[in-house]
């Protein structure tokens, strides 16, 4: 009986140590785990999480090494982007852009290792995913909300204006994108 109890406890321990899809181990996180993905109409979008200088200053001198994002369904095209700085409510300089169309997986957290690490200068950093959709679909993941400041930025090719997703949906939907950054130690 003791062996059975021991094996049962051991199996519980092993399963509890398994990586959870909602594991918030990234250094730069605005979301509170996975919930779903909102419907976006056909078109081109850039969705982003913004990390202000007040948060980035503690990482100054380190490097952004990886970007993690959740996709419910695969878009026609996808690209990860990183911007340094801000101009008002818009990202500053594009410092990294890489197509991830061939490496992305649906219903999964996707991890992209940057081909060149990005040094953190202490200014605002925007981590973004550009999506191209040929039809209405649910692609980029989000949490259940409520939205935090800077967790739900979006720009569409129809207007090229950066806004929060709350404003984009006339403030019906309050979420945060599942977009995260991993920083070197």
N, C-alpha and C. Protein backbone atom coordinates (compact mmCIF):
# COMPACT_ATOMS: atom_id res chain seq x y z
N UNK A 1 0.82 -1.19 0.00
CA UNK A 1 0.00 0.00 0.00
C UNK A 1 0.87 1.27 0.00
N UNK A 2 1.97 1.22 0.78
CA UNK A 2 2.87 2.38 0.84
C UNK A 2 3.49 2.65 -0.52
N UNK A 3 3.81 1.56 -1.27
CA UNK A 3 4.39 1.74 -2.61
C UNK A 3 3.40 2.39 -3.55
N UNK A 4 2.15 2.00 -3.48
CA UNK A 4 1.11 2.58 -4.33
C UNK A 4 0.94 4.05 -4.00
N UNK A 5 0.89 4.39 -2.71
CA UNK A 5 0.76 5.77 -2.29
C UNK A 5 1.97 6.58 -2.74
N UNK A 6 3.18 6.01 -2.58
CA UNK A 6 4.39 6.68 -3.02
C UNK A 6 4.36 6.96 -4.53
N UNK A 7 3.98 5.95 -5.33
CA UNK A 7 3.90 6.13 -6.79
C UNK A 7 2.85 7.17 -7.17
N UNK A 8 1.74 7.17 -6.46
CA UNK A 8 0.70 8.16 -6.72
C UNK A 8 1.23 9.57 -6.45
N UNK A 9 1.88 9.76 -5.30
CA UNK A 9 2.44 11.07 -4.95
C UNK A 9 3.52 11.49 -5.93
N UNK A 10 4.35 10.54 -6.34
CA UNK A 10 5.40 10.84 -7.30
C UNK A 10 4.81 11.28 -8.63
N UNK A 11 3.76 10.60 -9.08
CA UNK A 11 3.13 10.98 -10.36
C UNK A 11 2.49 12.36 -10.27
N UNK A 12 1.88 12.68 -9.13
CA UNK A 12 1.33 14.03 -8.95
C UNK A 12 2.43 15.08 -9.03
N UNK A 13 3.56 14.80 -8.41
CA UNK A 13 4.68 15.73 -8.44
C UNK A 13 5.19 15.94 -9.86
N UNK A 14 5.35 14.86 -10.61
CA UNK A 14 5.85 14.94 -11.98
C UNK A 14 4.88 15.76 -12.83
N UNK A 15 3.59 15.50 -12.72
CA UNK A 15 2.61 16.24 -13.53
C UNK A 15 2.51 17.69 -13.11
N UNK A 16 2.70 17.98 -11.84
CA UNK A 16 2.63 19.37 -11.40
C UNK A 16 3.85 20.16 -11.84
N UNK A 17 4.95 19.49 -12.15
CA UNK A 17 6.16 20.17 -12.61
C UNK A 17 6.15 20.39 -14.11
N UNK A 18 5.19 19.83 -14.81
CA UNK A 18 5.09 19.98 -16.25
C UNK A 18 4.84 21.44 -16.59
N UNK A 19 5.44 21.96 -17.65
CA UNK A 19 5.28 23.36 -18.04
C UNK A 19 3.85 23.66 -18.42
N UNK A 20 3.30 24.66 -17.81
CA UNK A 20 1.93 25.10 -18.06
C UNK A 20 1.95 26.14 -19.18
N UNK A 21 0.96 26.10 -20.07
CA UNK A 21 0.88 27.07 -21.16
C UNK A 21 0.74 28.49 -20.65
N UNK A 22 0.26 28.67 -19.44
CA UNK A 22 0.08 30.01 -18.89
C UNK A 22 1.25 30.42 -18.00
N UNK A 23 2.36 29.69 -18.04
CA UNK A 23 3.52 29.97 -17.21
C UNK A 23 4.04 31.37 -17.55
N UNK A 24 4.13 32.22 -16.55
CA UNK A 24 4.54 33.61 -16.77
C UNK A 24 6.02 33.80 -16.42
N UNK A 25 6.89 33.02 -17.05
CA UNK A 25 8.31 33.08 -16.73
C UNK A 25 9.06 34.14 -17.53
N UNK A 26 8.44 34.75 -18.50
CA UNK A 26 9.12 35.78 -19.28
C UNK A 26 9.40 36.99 -18.39
N UNK A 27 10.40 37.76 -18.77
CA UNK A 27 10.76 38.96 -18.02
C UNK A 27 9.83 40.13 -18.33
N UNK A 28 9.41 40.22 -19.57
CA UNK A 28 8.53 41.32 -20.01
C UNK A 28 7.16 40.73 -20.32
N UNK A 29 6.21 40.97 -19.43
CA UNK A 29 4.88 40.38 -19.54
C UNK A 29 3.83 41.42 -19.17
N UNK A 30 2.84 41.60 -20.01
CA UNK A 30 1.69 42.45 -19.68
C UNK A 30 0.42 41.62 -19.51
N UNK A 31 0.43 40.37 -19.99
CA UNK A 31 -0.79 39.56 -19.92
C UNK A 31 -0.82 38.73 -18.64
N UNK A 32 -1.98 38.17 -18.38
CA UNK A 32 -2.19 37.33 -17.20
C UNK A 32 -2.49 35.89 -17.61
N UNK A 33 -1.85 35.42 -18.66
CA UNK A 33 -2.06 34.06 -19.11
C UNK A 33 -2.98 33.99 -20.31
N UNK A 34 -3.13 32.80 -20.81
CA UNK A 34 -3.90 32.56 -22.02
C UNK A 34 -5.39 32.47 -21.73
N UNK A 35 -6.18 33.09 -22.59
CA UNK A 35 -7.63 32.96 -22.51
C UNK A 35 -8.18 32.51 -23.85
N UNK A 36 -7.97 33.32 -24.89
CA UNK A 36 -8.53 33.04 -26.20
C UNK A 36 -7.86 33.96 -27.21
N UNK A 37 -8.54 34.23 -28.31
CA UNK A 37 -8.04 35.17 -29.31
C UNK A 37 -9.25 35.89 -29.90
N UNK A 38 -9.19 37.21 -30.00
CA UNK A 38 -10.32 37.93 -30.57
C UNK A 38 -10.37 37.76 -32.09
N UNK A 39 -11.54 37.91 -32.65
CA UNK A 39 -11.69 37.88 -34.10
C UNK A 39 -11.17 39.20 -34.68
N UNK A 40 -10.37 39.09 -35.72
CA UNK A 40 -9.92 40.25 -36.49
C UNK A 40 -10.38 40.06 -37.92
N UNK A 41 -10.84 41.13 -38.55
CA UNK A 41 -11.27 41.06 -39.94
C UNK A 41 -10.07 40.85 -40.85
N UNK A 42 -10.32 40.44 -42.08
CA UNK A 42 -9.24 40.30 -43.07
C UNK A 42 -8.49 41.63 -43.15
N UNK A 43 -7.17 41.54 -43.24
CA UNK A 43 -6.36 42.76 -43.33
C UNK A 43 -4.99 42.54 -42.71
N UNK A 44 -4.30 43.63 -42.52
CA UNK A 44 -2.97 43.61 -41.92
C UNK A 44 -3.00 44.38 -40.61
N UNK A 45 -2.45 43.77 -39.57
CA UNK A 45 -2.44 44.37 -38.24
C UNK A 45 -1.06 44.23 -37.63
N UNK A 46 -0.74 45.15 -36.74
CA UNK A 46 0.41 45.00 -35.87
C UNK A 46 -0.15 45.11 -34.45
N UNK A 47 0.07 44.07 -33.65
CA UNK A 47 -0.36 44.08 -32.26
C UNK A 47 0.90 44.11 -31.40
N UNK A 48 0.83 44.85 -30.29
CA UNK A 48 2.06 45.05 -29.52
C UNK A 48 1.79 45.19 -28.03
N UNK A 49 2.79 44.81 -27.26
CA UNK A 49 2.87 45.13 -25.84
C UNK A 49 3.99 46.14 -25.70
N UNK A 50 3.69 47.20 -24.99
CA UNK A 50 4.65 48.28 -24.78
C UNK A 50 5.19 48.17 -23.36
N UNK A 51 6.51 48.32 -23.23
CA UNK A 51 7.14 48.29 -21.92
C UNK A 51 7.86 49.63 -21.75
N UNK A 52 7.32 50.49 -20.88
CA UNK A 52 7.85 51.86 -20.76
C UNK A 52 9.24 51.90 -20.13
N UNK A 53 9.89 53.03 -20.33
CA UNK A 53 11.25 53.24 -19.81
C UNK A 53 11.32 52.98 -18.31
N UNK A 54 10.27 53.31 -17.59
CA UNK A 54 10.27 53.09 -16.14
C UNK A 54 10.43 51.61 -15.79
N UNK A 55 9.95 50.71 -16.64
CA UNK A 55 10.14 49.27 -16.43
C UNK A 55 11.47 48.80 -17.03
N UNK A 56 11.86 49.37 -18.13
CA UNK A 56 13.05 48.91 -18.86
C UNK A 56 14.35 49.35 -18.20
N UNK A 57 14.33 50.42 -17.41
CA UNK A 57 15.57 50.91 -16.81
C UNK A 57 16.23 49.87 -15.91
N UNK A 58 15.45 48.99 -15.28
CA UNK A 58 16.05 47.96 -14.43
C UNK A 58 16.76 46.87 -15.24
N UNK A 59 16.51 46.82 -16.55
CA UNK A 59 17.15 45.84 -17.43
C UNK A 59 18.27 46.46 -18.27
N UNK A 60 18.55 47.73 -18.07
CA UNK A 60 19.54 48.43 -18.88
C UNK A 60 20.87 47.68 -18.86
N UNK A 61 21.46 47.51 -20.05
CA UNK A 61 22.72 46.80 -20.20
C UNK A 61 22.54 45.32 -20.50
N UNK A 62 21.33 44.80 -20.28
CA UNK A 62 21.04 43.41 -20.63
C UNK A 62 20.52 43.38 -22.06
N UNK A 63 20.14 42.18 -22.52
CA UNK A 63 19.69 42.05 -23.91
C UNK A 63 18.39 41.27 -24.01
N UNK A 64 17.54 41.70 -24.93
CA UNK A 64 16.35 40.94 -25.27
C UNK A 64 16.81 39.80 -26.18
N UNK A 65 16.50 38.54 -25.78
CA UNK A 65 16.97 37.37 -26.52
C UNK A 65 15.86 36.63 -27.26
N UNK A 66 14.66 36.63 -26.70
CA UNK A 66 13.57 35.84 -27.28
C UNK A 66 12.24 36.58 -27.17
N UNK A 67 11.37 36.26 -28.11
CA UNK A 67 10.00 36.76 -28.10
C UNK A 67 9.08 35.55 -28.07
N UNK A 68 8.11 35.61 -27.18
CA UNK A 68 7.15 34.52 -27.04
C UNK A 68 5.75 35.09 -27.30
N UNK A 69 4.97 34.37 -28.10
CA UNK A 69 3.61 34.83 -28.42
C UNK A 69 2.73 33.60 -28.64
N UNK A 70 1.43 33.78 -28.39
CA UNK A 70 0.50 32.66 -28.56
C UNK A 70 -0.33 32.89 -29.82
N UNK A 71 -0.48 31.83 -30.62
CA UNK A 71 -1.36 31.87 -31.79
C UNK A 71 -2.45 30.81 -31.64
N UNK A 72 -3.68 31.24 -31.82
CA UNK A 72 -4.78 30.28 -31.84
C UNK A 72 -4.84 29.62 -33.22
N UNK A 73 -4.96 30.43 -34.26
CA UNK A 73 -4.93 29.95 -35.64
C UNK A 73 -3.80 30.68 -36.37
N UNK A 74 -3.24 30.01 -37.37
CA UNK A 74 -2.15 30.62 -38.13
C UNK A 74 -2.69 31.71 -39.05
N UNK A 75 -2.08 32.88 -39.01
CA UNK A 75 -2.40 33.90 -40.01
C UNK A 75 -1.74 33.55 -41.34
N UNK A 76 -2.09 34.25 -42.39
CA UNK A 76 -1.45 34.03 -43.69
C UNK A 76 0.04 34.33 -43.61
N UNK A 77 0.38 35.42 -42.93
CA UNK A 77 1.78 35.80 -42.71
C UNK A 77 1.91 36.34 -41.30
N UNK A 78 3.10 36.18 -40.74
CA UNK A 78 3.39 36.76 -39.42
C UNK A 78 4.85 37.17 -39.36
N UNK A 79 5.09 38.18 -38.58
CA UNK A 79 6.44 38.72 -38.41
C UNK A 79 6.55 39.25 -36.99
N UNK A 80 7.65 38.97 -36.31
CA UNK A 80 7.88 39.58 -35.00
C UNK A 80 8.68 40.86 -35.21
N UNK A 81 8.41 41.83 -34.35
CA UNK A 81 9.07 43.13 -34.45
C UNK A 81 9.42 43.64 -33.07
N UNK A 82 10.48 44.44 -33.01
CA UNK A 82 10.83 45.12 -31.78
C UNK A 82 11.14 46.57 -32.15
N UNK A 83 10.56 47.48 -31.37
CA UNK A 83 10.79 48.91 -31.55
C UNK A 83 11.41 49.46 -30.27
N UNK A 84 12.37 50.37 -30.41
CA UNK A 84 12.94 51.09 -29.27
C UNK A 84 12.41 52.50 -29.27
N UNK A 85 12.06 52.98 -28.10
CA UNK A 85 11.57 54.35 -27.96
C UNK A 85 10.12 54.48 -28.35
N UNK A 86 9.61 55.67 -28.12
CA UNK A 86 8.22 55.99 -28.45
C UNK A 86 8.13 57.44 -28.88
N UNK A 87 7.16 57.69 -29.73
CA UNK A 87 6.81 59.05 -30.10
C UNK A 87 5.33 59.20 -29.76
N UNK A 88 5.05 59.75 -28.60
CA UNK A 88 3.66 59.81 -28.14
C UNK A 88 3.14 58.40 -27.93
N UNK A 89 2.04 58.08 -28.60
CA UNK A 89 1.44 56.76 -28.51
C UNK A 89 1.80 55.88 -29.70
N UNK A 90 2.98 56.06 -30.24
CA UNK A 90 3.45 55.23 -31.35
C UNK A 90 4.85 54.71 -31.04
N UNK A 91 5.15 53.52 -31.55
CA UNK A 91 6.50 53.01 -31.32
C UNK A 91 7.53 53.87 -32.04
N UNK A 92 8.75 53.83 -31.51
CA UNK A 92 9.85 54.59 -32.10
C UNK A 92 10.49 53.85 -33.25
N UNK A 93 11.79 53.63 -33.15
CA UNK A 93 12.59 53.04 -34.22
C UNK A 93 12.44 51.53 -34.26
N UNK A 94 12.16 51.00 -35.46
CA UNK A 94 12.11 49.56 -35.66
C UNK A 94 13.55 49.04 -35.62
N UNK A 95 13.87 48.18 -34.63
CA UNK A 95 15.24 47.68 -34.48
C UNK A 95 15.36 46.19 -34.80
N UNK A 96 14.21 45.51 -34.98
CA UNK A 96 14.25 44.08 -35.31
C UNK A 96 12.95 43.71 -36.02
N UNK A 97 13.09 42.94 -37.08
CA UNK A 97 11.93 42.45 -37.83
C UNK A 97 12.31 41.12 -38.47
N UNK A 98 11.49 40.10 -38.24
CA UNK A 98 11.80 38.79 -38.78
C UNK A 98 10.50 38.05 -39.08
N UNK A 99 10.38 37.52 -40.30
CA UNK A 99 9.22 36.70 -40.65
C UNK A 99 9.26 35.41 -39.84
N UNK A 100 8.11 35.05 -39.29
CA UNK A 100 7.99 33.80 -38.54
C UNK A 100 6.91 32.91 -39.16
N UNK A 101 6.51 33.23 -40.40
CA UNK A 101 5.43 32.52 -41.06
C UNK A 101 5.69 31.01 -41.13
N UNK A 102 6.90 30.61 -41.48
CA UNK A 102 7.17 29.17 -41.64
C UNK A 102 7.42 28.47 -40.30
N UNK A 103 7.74 29.21 -39.25
CA UNK A 103 8.05 28.56 -37.98
C UNK A 103 6.91 28.60 -36.97
N UNK A 104 5.81 29.25 -37.29
CA UNK A 104 4.73 29.39 -36.31
C UNK A 104 3.84 28.16 -36.25
N UNK A 105 3.29 27.91 -35.07
CA UNK A 105 2.38 26.80 -34.84
C UNK A 105 1.07 27.34 -34.27
N UNK A 106 -0.05 26.75 -34.71
CA UNK A 106 -1.36 27.12 -34.19
C UNK A 106 -1.61 26.43 -32.86
N UNK A 107 -2.52 27.01 -32.09
CA UNK A 107 -2.90 26.46 -30.78
C UNK A 107 -1.66 26.22 -29.92
N UNK A 108 -0.74 27.19 -29.94
CA UNK A 108 0.53 26.97 -29.27
C UNK A 108 1.22 28.29 -28.92
N UNK A 109 2.01 28.22 -27.83
CA UNK A 109 2.95 29.29 -27.56
C UNK A 109 4.10 29.11 -28.55
N UNK A 110 4.49 30.17 -29.19
CA UNK A 110 5.59 30.16 -30.15
C UNK A 110 6.74 30.96 -29.55
N UNK A 111 7.94 30.41 -29.65
CA UNK A 111 9.12 31.07 -29.11
C UNK A 111 10.07 31.37 -30.26
N UNK A 112 10.40 32.63 -30.43
CA UNK A 112 11.32 33.06 -31.48
C UNK A 112 12.59 33.58 -30.82
N UNK A 113 13.72 32.96 -31.16
CA UNK A 113 15.03 33.43 -30.69
C UNK A 113 15.53 34.46 -31.68
N UNK A 114 15.85 35.65 -31.19
CA UNK A 114 16.31 36.73 -32.06
C UNK A 114 17.65 36.35 -32.69
N UNK A 115 17.79 36.64 -33.97
CA UNK A 115 19.05 36.36 -34.65
C UNK A 115 20.16 37.27 -34.14
N UNK A 116 19.80 38.45 -33.69
CA UNK A 116 20.74 39.38 -33.05
C UNK A 116 20.04 39.91 -31.80
N UNK A 117 20.63 39.64 -30.63
CA UNK A 117 20.05 40.15 -29.39
C UNK A 117 19.97 41.67 -29.46
N UNK A 118 18.99 42.22 -28.77
CA UNK A 118 18.79 43.67 -28.76
C UNK A 118 19.19 44.21 -27.39
N UNK A 119 20.17 45.10 -27.39
CA UNK A 119 20.61 45.70 -26.13
C UNK A 119 19.52 46.60 -25.58
N UNK A 120 19.29 46.48 -24.30
CA UNK A 120 18.27 47.30 -23.64
C UNK A 120 18.92 48.59 -23.18
N UNK A 121 18.40 49.68 -23.70
CA UNK A 121 19.00 50.99 -23.45
C UNK A 121 18.29 51.75 -22.33
N UNK A 122 17.17 51.22 -21.87
CA UNK A 122 16.43 51.90 -20.81
C UNK A 122 15.30 52.75 -21.33
N UNK A 123 15.15 52.82 -22.65
CA UNK A 123 14.00 53.55 -23.20
C UNK A 123 12.84 52.59 -23.43
N UNK A 124 11.68 53.12 -23.81
CA UNK A 124 10.52 52.28 -24.10
C UNK A 124 10.89 51.17 -25.08
N UNK A 125 10.27 50.01 -24.92
CA UNK A 125 10.44 48.92 -25.87
C UNK A 125 9.05 48.39 -26.21
N UNK A 126 8.79 48.22 -27.49
CA UNK A 126 7.54 47.65 -27.98
C UNK A 126 7.87 46.31 -28.61
N UNK A 127 7.22 45.25 -28.14
CA UNK A 127 7.38 43.92 -28.73
C UNK A 127 6.08 43.63 -29.47
N UNK A 128 6.20 43.37 -30.77
CA UNK A 128 5.01 43.32 -31.62
C UNK A 128 5.00 42.09 -32.52
N UNK A 129 3.81 41.78 -33.00
CA UNK A 129 3.62 40.75 -34.01
C UNK A 129 2.78 41.36 -35.12
N UNK A 130 3.31 41.32 -36.34
CA UNK A 130 2.57 41.79 -37.52
C UNK A 130 1.83 40.58 -38.10
N UNK A 131 0.54 40.74 -38.35
CA UNK A 131 -0.31 39.66 -38.85
C UNK A 131 -0.96 40.07 -40.16
N UNK A 132 -1.00 39.15 -41.11
CA UNK A 132 -1.75 39.35 -42.35
C UNK A 132 -2.81 38.25 -42.39
N UNK A 133 -4.07 38.67 -42.51
CA UNK A 133 -5.19 37.74 -42.54
C UNK A 133 -5.94 37.86 -43.87
N UNK A 134 -6.16 36.75 -44.54
CA UNK A 134 -6.93 36.77 -45.79
C UNK A 134 -8.43 36.70 -45.54
N UNK A 135 -8.81 36.32 -44.33
CA UNK A 135 -10.22 36.24 -43.95
C UNK A 135 -10.32 36.52 -42.45
N UNK A 136 -11.52 36.82 -41.98
CA UNK A 136 -11.73 37.02 -40.55
C UNK A 136 -11.29 35.76 -39.80
N UNK A 137 -10.55 35.96 -38.71
CA UNK A 137 -10.05 34.80 -37.97
C UNK A 137 -9.61 35.21 -36.58
N UNK A 138 -9.41 34.20 -35.75
CA UNK A 138 -8.84 34.37 -34.42
C UNK A 138 -7.39 33.93 -34.51
N UNK A 139 -6.46 34.85 -34.30
CA UNK A 139 -5.05 34.50 -34.43
C UNK A 139 -4.28 34.75 -33.14
N UNK A 140 -3.95 35.99 -32.86
CA UNK A 140 -3.09 36.30 -31.71
C UNK A 140 -3.85 36.11 -30.41
N UNK A 141 -3.19 35.42 -29.47
CA UNK A 141 -3.83 35.13 -28.20
C UNK A 141 -3.91 36.33 -27.29
N UNK A 142 -4.80 36.23 -26.30
CA UNK A 142 -4.99 37.28 -25.32
C UNK A 142 -5.44 36.68 -24.00
N UNK A 143 -5.37 37.49 -22.96
CA UNK A 143 -5.89 37.05 -21.67
C UNK A 143 -7.35 37.48 -21.53
N UNK A 144 -7.92 37.26 -20.38
CA UNK A 144 -9.31 37.59 -20.13
C UNK A 144 -9.47 39.06 -19.71
N UNK A 145 -8.36 39.75 -19.45
CA UNK A 145 -8.41 41.14 -19.05
C UNK A 145 -8.57 41.25 -17.53
N UNK A 146 -8.82 42.41 -17.06
CA UNK A 146 -8.94 43.66 -17.80
C UNK A 146 -7.59 44.13 -18.35
N UNK A 147 -7.68 44.97 -19.35
CA UNK A 147 -6.47 45.49 -19.98
C UNK A 147 -5.65 46.29 -18.97
N UNK A 148 -4.33 46.12 -19.06
CA UNK A 148 -3.42 46.95 -18.29
C UNK A 148 -2.88 48.02 -19.23
N UNK A 149 -2.38 49.07 -18.67
CA UNK A 149 -1.77 50.10 -19.50
C UNK A 149 -0.66 49.48 -20.33
N UNK A 150 -0.72 49.63 -21.65
CA UNK A 150 0.30 49.19 -22.60
C UNK A 150 0.25 47.73 -22.99
N UNK A 151 -0.77 46.98 -22.60
CA UNK A 151 -0.84 45.56 -22.93
C UNK A 151 -1.63 45.22 -24.17
N UNK A 152 -2.23 46.25 -24.83
CA UNK A 152 -3.17 45.93 -25.92
C UNK A 152 -3.10 46.90 -27.10
N UNK A 153 -1.90 47.26 -27.52
CA UNK A 153 -1.74 48.18 -28.65
C UNK A 153 -2.01 47.48 -29.97
N UNK A 154 -2.62 48.21 -30.92
CA UNK A 154 -2.92 47.66 -32.24
C UNK A 154 -2.88 48.78 -33.28
N UNK A 155 -2.45 48.42 -34.48
CA UNK A 155 -2.49 49.32 -35.63
C UNK A 155 -2.93 48.48 -36.82
N UNK A 156 -3.83 49.02 -37.61
CA UNK A 156 -4.28 48.29 -38.81
C UNK A 156 -3.84 49.03 -40.05
N UNK A 157 -3.69 48.30 -41.14
CA UNK A 157 -3.24 48.92 -42.39
C UNK A 157 -4.29 49.86 -42.98
N UNK A 158 -5.52 49.77 -42.51
CA UNK A 158 -6.56 50.66 -43.05
C UNK A 158 -6.41 52.09 -42.57
N UNK A 159 -5.88 52.27 -41.34
CA UNK A 159 -5.72 53.65 -40.86
C UNK A 159 -4.31 53.98 -40.38
N UNK A 160 -3.47 52.97 -40.15
CA UNK A 160 -2.09 53.17 -39.69
C UNK A 160 -1.99 54.05 -38.45
N UNK A 161 -2.99 53.97 -37.60
CA UNK A 161 -2.99 54.71 -36.34
C UNK A 161 -2.87 53.72 -35.20
N UNK A 162 -1.98 53.99 -34.27
CA UNK A 162 -1.83 53.15 -33.09
C UNK A 162 -2.88 53.53 -32.07
N UNK A 163 -3.54 52.53 -31.53
CA UNK A 163 -4.56 52.73 -30.51
C UNK A 163 -4.59 51.50 -29.61
N UNK A 164 -5.26 51.61 -28.50
CA UNK A 164 -5.43 50.42 -27.67
C UNK A 164 -6.55 49.58 -28.26
N UNK A 165 -6.53 48.30 -27.97
CA UNK A 165 -7.60 47.42 -28.48
C UNK A 165 -8.94 47.83 -27.88
N UNK A 166 -8.93 48.36 -26.66
CA UNK A 166 -10.17 48.86 -26.05
C UNK A 166 -10.77 49.95 -26.93
N UNK A 167 -9.95 50.91 -27.35
CA UNK A 167 -10.45 51.99 -28.23
C UNK A 167 -10.84 51.44 -29.59
N UNK A 168 -10.08 50.48 -30.09
CA UNK A 168 -10.33 49.86 -31.40
C UNK A 168 -11.70 49.18 -31.43
N UNK A 169 -12.13 48.64 -30.29
CA UNK A 169 -13.43 47.95 -30.22
C UNK A 169 -14.51 48.81 -29.56
N UNK A 170 -14.27 50.09 -29.47
CA UNK A 170 -15.23 51.07 -28.94
C UNK A 170 -15.78 50.72 -27.57
N UNK A 171 -15.19 50.84 -26.57
CA UNK A 171 -14.38 50.07 -25.65
C UNK A 171 -15.06 48.81 -25.12
N UNK A 172 -15.42 47.92 -25.99
CA UNK A 172 -16.11 46.70 -25.59
C UNK A 172 -15.18 45.62 -25.06
N UNK A 173 -13.97 45.50 -25.61
CA UNK A 173 -13.10 44.38 -25.27
C UNK A 173 -11.87 44.89 -24.53
N UNK A 174 -11.67 44.37 -23.32
CA UNK A 174 -10.57 44.78 -22.46
C UNK A 174 -9.69 43.56 -22.19
N UNK A 175 -8.61 43.43 -22.98
CA UNK A 175 -7.71 42.28 -22.92
C UNK A 175 -6.26 42.75 -22.97
N UNK A 176 -5.33 41.80 -22.87
CA UNK A 176 -3.90 42.05 -23.07
C UNK A 176 -3.37 40.97 -24.00
N UNK A 177 -2.56 41.36 -24.96
CA UNK A 177 -2.01 40.39 -25.92
C UNK A 177 -1.06 39.42 -25.24
N UNK A 178 -1.02 38.19 -25.72
CA UNK A 178 -0.05 37.18 -25.26
C UNK A 178 1.24 37.36 -26.04
N UNK A 179 1.96 38.43 -25.72
CA UNK A 179 3.25 38.75 -26.33
C UNK A 179 4.21 39.05 -25.19
N UNK A 180 5.34 38.35 -25.14
CA UNK A 180 6.26 38.45 -24.02
C UNK A 180 7.71 38.53 -24.50
N UNK A 181 8.58 39.02 -23.66
CA UNK A 181 10.00 39.09 -23.99
C UNK A 181 10.85 38.41 -22.93
N UNK A 182 11.90 37.74 -23.38
CA UNK A 182 12.86 37.09 -22.49
C UNK A 182 14.19 37.83 -22.57
N UNK A 183 14.73 38.17 -21.41
CA UNK A 183 15.94 38.97 -21.32
C UNK A 183 17.09 38.12 -20.77
N UNK A 184 18.31 38.41 -21.25
CA UNK A 184 19.50 37.69 -20.77
C UNK A 184 19.73 37.98 -19.28
N UNK A 185 20.40 37.05 -18.63
CA UNK A 185 20.73 37.24 -17.21
C UNK A 185 22.02 37.97 -17.01
